[in-house]
């Protein structure tokens, strides 16, 4: 998945993989993603996704972007939902 993120007057393109689906009206898991739960204490009206982004300096970050901003991208033209137990096509 890919989307543009704005912060402090700059726009960055982020690219990552979906690692979790948050149901409509659901909340981010506070144990798995404490930094996201602090920033976003509200639920969303539609299904949304937690996206894992591996940054250039080998660190991993998690984001909860708005679905309307997401674009499906990959070399194979397919997007994958990744979890620790399985890989499924979206």
N, C-alpha and C. Protein backbone atom coordinates (compact mmCIF):
# COMPACT_ATOMS: atom_id res chain seq x y z
N UNK A 1 0.85 -1.16 0.00
CA UNK A 1 0.00 0.00 0.00
C UNK A 1 0.89 1.22 0.00
N UNK A 2 0.38 2.28 -0.56
CA UNK A 2 1.14 3.52 -0.62
C UNK A 2 0.20 4.69 -0.34
N UNK A 3 0.72 5.71 0.34
CA UNK A 3 -0.06 6.92 0.59
C UNK A 3 0.89 8.06 0.88
N UNK A 4 0.37 9.26 0.80
CA UNK A 4 1.16 10.45 1.12
C UNK A 4 0.83 10.89 2.53
N UNK A 5 1.87 11.25 3.27
CA UNK A 5 1.72 11.67 4.66
C UNK A 5 2.27 13.08 4.78
N UNK A 6 1.54 13.95 5.46
CA UNK A 6 2.00 15.33 5.65
C UNK A 6 2.35 15.56 7.11
N UNK A 7 3.49 16.22 7.31
CA UNK A 7 3.92 16.55 8.66
C UNK A 7 4.86 17.73 8.60
N UNK A 8 4.60 18.73 9.43
CA UNK A 8 5.45 19.92 9.54
C UNK A 8 5.71 20.58 8.18
N UNK A 9 4.70 20.64 7.35
CA UNK A 9 4.81 21.32 6.06
C UNK A 9 5.44 20.50 4.95
N UNK A 10 5.82 19.26 5.23
CA UNK A 10 6.43 18.40 4.22
C UNK A 10 5.49 17.25 3.89
N UNK A 11 5.55 16.79 2.64
CA UNK A 11 4.77 15.64 2.21
C UNK A 11 5.73 14.51 1.89
N UNK A 12 5.46 13.32 2.45
CA UNK A 12 6.27 12.14 2.19
C UNK A 12 5.38 11.03 1.67
N UNK A 13 5.89 10.24 0.75
CA UNK A 13 5.17 9.07 0.29
C UNK A 13 5.63 7.89 1.13
N UNK A 14 4.68 7.19 1.70
CA UNK A 14 4.97 6.01 2.52
C UNK A 14 4.50 4.77 1.77
N UNK A 15 5.23 3.68 1.92
CA UNK A 15 4.86 2.43 1.27
C UNK A 15 5.06 1.30 2.28
N UNK A 16 4.05 0.43 2.40
CA UNK A 16 4.16 -0.67 3.35
C UNK A 16 3.16 -1.76 3.07
N UNK A 17 3.04 -2.67 4.03
CA UNK A 17 2.13 -3.81 3.91
C UNK A 17 1.09 -3.76 5.02
N UNK A 18 -0.11 -4.17 4.68
CA UNK A 18 -1.19 -4.23 5.67
C UNK A 18 -0.90 -5.39 6.62
N UNK A 19 -0.90 -5.10 7.92
CA UNK A 19 -0.65 -6.15 8.91
C UNK A 19 -1.87 -6.44 9.78
N UNK A 20 -2.84 -5.54 9.74
CA UNK A 20 -4.05 -5.76 10.54
C UNK A 20 -5.21 -4.98 9.98
N UNK A 21 -6.39 -5.58 10.08
CA UNK A 21 -7.64 -4.92 9.67
C UNK A 21 -8.35 -4.45 10.93
N UNK A 22 -8.76 -3.18 10.93
CA UNK A 22 -9.52 -2.62 12.05
C UNK A 22 -10.97 -2.50 11.57
N UNK A 23 -11.91 -3.23 12.16
CA UNK A 23 -13.29 -3.18 11.71
C UNK A 23 -13.92 -1.79 11.90
N UNK A 24 -14.94 -1.50 11.11
CA UNK A 24 -15.67 -0.24 11.27
C UNK A 24 -16.14 -0.12 12.71
N UNK A 25 -15.90 1.04 13.32
CA UNK A 25 -16.28 1.24 14.70
C UNK A 25 -15.30 0.66 15.71
N UNK A 26 -14.26 -0.03 15.20
CA UNK A 26 -13.27 -0.66 16.07
C UNK A 26 -12.15 0.30 16.46
N UNK A 27 -11.32 -0.15 17.36
CA UNK A 27 -10.20 0.65 17.85
C UNK A 27 -8.89 -0.07 17.58
N UNK A 28 -7.81 0.69 17.55
CA UNK A 28 -6.47 0.12 17.39
C UNK A 28 -6.13 -0.65 18.67
N UNK A 29 -5.51 -1.80 18.51
CA UNK A 29 -5.09 -2.63 19.65
C UNK A 29 -4.03 -1.88 20.46
N UNK A 30 -4.37 -1.52 21.70
CA UNK A 30 -3.48 -0.71 22.55
C UNK A 30 -2.20 -1.46 22.95
N UNK A 31 -2.28 -2.78 22.99
CA UNK A 31 -1.11 -3.57 23.38
C UNK A 31 -0.13 -3.68 22.22
N UNK A 32 -0.63 -4.01 21.03
CA UNK A 32 0.24 -4.16 19.85
C UNK A 32 0.77 -2.83 19.34
N UNK A 33 -0.06 -1.80 19.36
CA UNK A 33 0.28 -0.51 18.75
C UNK A 33 0.02 0.63 19.72
N UNK A 34 0.75 0.70 20.85
CA UNK A 34 0.45 1.71 21.87
C UNK A 34 0.59 3.14 21.35
N UNK A 35 1.55 3.40 20.48
CA UNK A 35 1.74 4.77 19.97
C UNK A 35 0.59 5.19 19.06
N UNK A 36 -0.01 4.25 18.33
CA UNK A 36 -1.17 4.58 17.49
C UNK A 36 -2.41 4.80 18.35
N UNK A 37 -2.56 4.00 19.38
CA UNK A 37 -3.74 4.12 20.26
C UNK A 37 -3.74 5.46 20.99
N UNK A 38 -2.56 5.96 21.35
CA UNK A 38 -2.48 7.26 22.03
C UNK A 38 -2.88 8.40 21.10
N UNK A 39 -2.42 8.33 19.85
CA UNK A 39 -2.69 9.40 18.89
C UNK A 39 -4.12 9.36 18.37
N UNK A 40 -4.68 8.18 18.32
CA UNK A 40 -5.99 8.04 17.68
C UNK A 40 -6.95 7.30 18.61
N UNK A 41 -7.45 7.98 19.58
CA UNK A 41 -8.35 7.38 20.54
C UNK A 41 -9.75 7.16 20.02
N UNK A 42 -10.01 7.60 18.81
CA UNK A 42 -11.35 7.47 18.24
C UNK A 42 -11.39 6.31 17.25
N UNK A 43 -12.58 5.77 17.06
CA UNK A 43 -12.76 4.73 16.04
C UNK A 43 -13.06 5.39 14.71
N UNK A 44 -13.09 4.59 13.66
CA UNK A 44 -13.41 5.10 12.32
C UNK A 44 -14.71 4.46 11.84
N UNK A 45 -15.44 5.18 11.01
CA UNK A 45 -16.75 4.71 10.53
C UNK A 45 -16.66 3.56 9.54
N UNK A 46 -15.50 3.38 8.91
CA UNK A 46 -15.33 2.33 7.91
C UNK A 46 -14.19 1.40 8.32
N UNK A 47 -14.11 0.26 7.66
CA UNK A 47 -12.98 -0.64 7.86
C UNK A 47 -11.71 0.13 7.54
N UNK A 48 -10.66 -0.10 8.34
CA UNK A 48 -9.38 0.57 8.08
C UNK A 48 -8.25 -0.42 8.33
N UNK A 49 -7.02 0.01 8.10
CA UNK A 49 -5.89 -0.91 8.11
C UNK A 49 -4.70 -0.34 8.87
N UNK A 50 -3.98 -1.22 9.56
CA UNK A 50 -2.69 -0.87 10.14
C UNK A 50 -1.66 -1.28 9.10
N UNK A 51 -0.77 -0.34 8.76
CA UNK A 51 0.23 -0.59 7.72
C UNK A 51 1.63 -0.56 8.34
N UNK A 52 2.42 -1.59 8.04
CA UNK A 52 3.80 -1.69 8.52
C UNK A 52 4.72 -1.12 7.44
N UNK A 53 5.58 -0.18 7.84
CA UNK A 53 6.53 0.46 6.92
C UNK A 53 7.94 0.21 7.45
N UNK A 54 8.78 -0.40 6.59
CA UNK A 54 10.19 -0.57 6.93
C UNK A 54 10.94 0.63 6.40
N UNK A 55 11.46 1.45 7.31
CA UNK A 55 12.16 2.67 6.93
C UNK A 55 13.58 2.36 6.47
N UNK A 56 14.18 3.33 5.80
CA UNK A 56 15.53 3.16 5.24
C UNK A 56 16.56 2.75 6.28
N UNK A 57 16.45 3.25 7.48
CA UNK A 57 17.45 2.96 8.51
C UNK A 57 17.12 1.69 9.30
N UNK A 58 16.49 0.74 8.66
CA UNK A 58 16.15 -0.59 9.20
C UNK A 58 15.20 -0.57 10.41
N UNK A 59 14.53 0.52 10.65
CA UNK A 59 13.52 0.53 11.71
C UNK A 59 12.15 0.25 11.10
N UNK A 60 11.25 -0.19 11.92
CA UNK A 60 9.89 -0.50 11.47
C UNK A 60 8.92 0.44 12.17
N UNK A 61 8.00 1.01 11.39
CA UNK A 61 6.98 1.89 11.93
C UNK A 61 5.61 1.38 11.51
N UNK A 62 4.61 1.71 12.32
CA UNK A 62 3.23 1.32 12.02
C UNK A 62 2.38 2.58 11.89
N UNK A 63 1.49 2.57 10.91
CA UNK A 63 0.62 3.72 10.64
C UNK A 63 -0.82 3.25 10.52
N UNK A 64 -1.75 4.18 10.76
CA UNK A 64 -3.18 3.92 10.61
C UNK A 64 -3.72 4.99 9.66
N UNK A 65 -3.35 4.90 8.37
CA UNK A 65 -3.75 5.94 7.42
C UNK A 65 -5.24 5.86 7.08
N UNK A 66 -5.77 6.97 6.62
CA UNK A 66 -7.16 6.98 6.16
C UNK A 66 -7.25 6.14 4.88
N UNK A 67 -8.25 5.31 4.79
CA UNK A 67 -8.40 4.39 3.66
C UNK A 67 -8.50 5.16 2.34
N UNK A 68 -9.15 6.31 2.35
CA UNK A 68 -9.31 7.08 1.10
C UNK A 68 -7.97 7.52 0.52
N UNK A 69 -6.91 7.54 1.33
CA UNK A 69 -5.59 7.94 0.86
C UNK A 69 -4.73 6.79 0.37
N UNK A 70 -5.16 5.55 0.60
CA UNK A 70 -4.35 4.39 0.25
C UNK A 70 -4.47 4.02 -1.22
N UNK A 71 -3.34 3.63 -1.79
CA UNK A 71 -3.30 3.08 -3.15
C UNK A 71 -2.63 1.72 -3.08
N UNK A 72 -3.18 0.74 -3.81
CA UNK A 72 -2.58 -0.58 -3.83
C UNK A 72 -1.43 -0.58 -4.81
N UNK A 73 -0.25 -0.95 -4.34
CA UNK A 73 0.93 -1.03 -5.21
C UNK A 73 1.78 -2.23 -4.80
N UNK A 74 2.36 -2.87 -5.78
CA UNK A 74 3.35 -3.91 -5.56
C UNK A 74 3.97 -4.26 -6.89
N UNK A 75 5.08 -4.93 -6.87
CA UNK A 75 5.73 -5.31 -8.13
C UNK A 75 4.87 -6.26 -8.94
N UNK A 76 4.16 -7.15 -8.24
CA UNK A 76 3.34 -8.14 -8.94
C UNK A 76 1.96 -7.61 -9.29
N UNK A 77 1.62 -6.40 -8.80
CA UNK A 77 0.28 -5.86 -9.05
C UNK A 77 -0.76 -6.36 -8.07
N UNK A 78 -0.31 -7.10 -7.02
CA UNK A 78 -1.24 -7.62 -6.02
C UNK A 78 -0.85 -7.09 -4.65
N UNK A 79 -1.85 -6.87 -3.82
CA UNK A 79 -1.60 -6.44 -2.44
C UNK A 79 -1.78 -7.64 -1.53
N UNK A 80 -1.01 -7.71 -0.46
CA UNK A 80 -1.09 -8.81 0.47
C UNK A 80 -1.45 -8.33 1.86
N UNK A 81 -2.26 -9.10 2.54
CA UNK A 81 -2.52 -8.90 3.97
C UNK A 81 -1.56 -9.84 4.67
N UNK A 82 -0.67 -9.31 5.47
CA UNK A 82 0.34 -10.14 6.13
C UNK A 82 0.05 -10.23 7.62
N UNK A 83 0.13 -11.42 8.14
CA UNK A 83 0.03 -11.62 9.58
C UNK A 83 1.10 -12.62 9.97
N UNK A 84 1.28 -12.82 11.25
CA UNK A 84 2.30 -13.76 11.69
C UNK A 84 1.94 -15.19 11.33
N UNK A 85 0.67 -15.48 11.13
CA UNK A 85 0.27 -16.85 10.89
C UNK A 85 0.00 -17.17 9.42
N UNK A 86 -0.29 -16.17 8.59
CA UNK A 86 -0.62 -16.48 7.19
C UNK A 86 -0.45 -15.26 6.30
N UNK A 87 -0.45 -15.50 5.02
CA UNK A 87 -0.43 -14.43 4.01
C UNK A 87 -1.64 -14.66 3.12
N UNK A 88 -2.49 -13.65 2.99
CA UNK A 88 -3.69 -13.79 2.16
C UNK A 88 -3.75 -12.64 1.17
N UNK A 89 -4.24 -12.93 0.00
CA UNK A 89 -4.47 -11.87 -0.98
C UNK A 89 -5.66 -11.05 -0.57
N UNK A 90 -5.59 -9.76 -0.81
CA UNK A 90 -6.75 -8.89 -0.60
C UNK A 90 -7.59 -8.87 -1.84
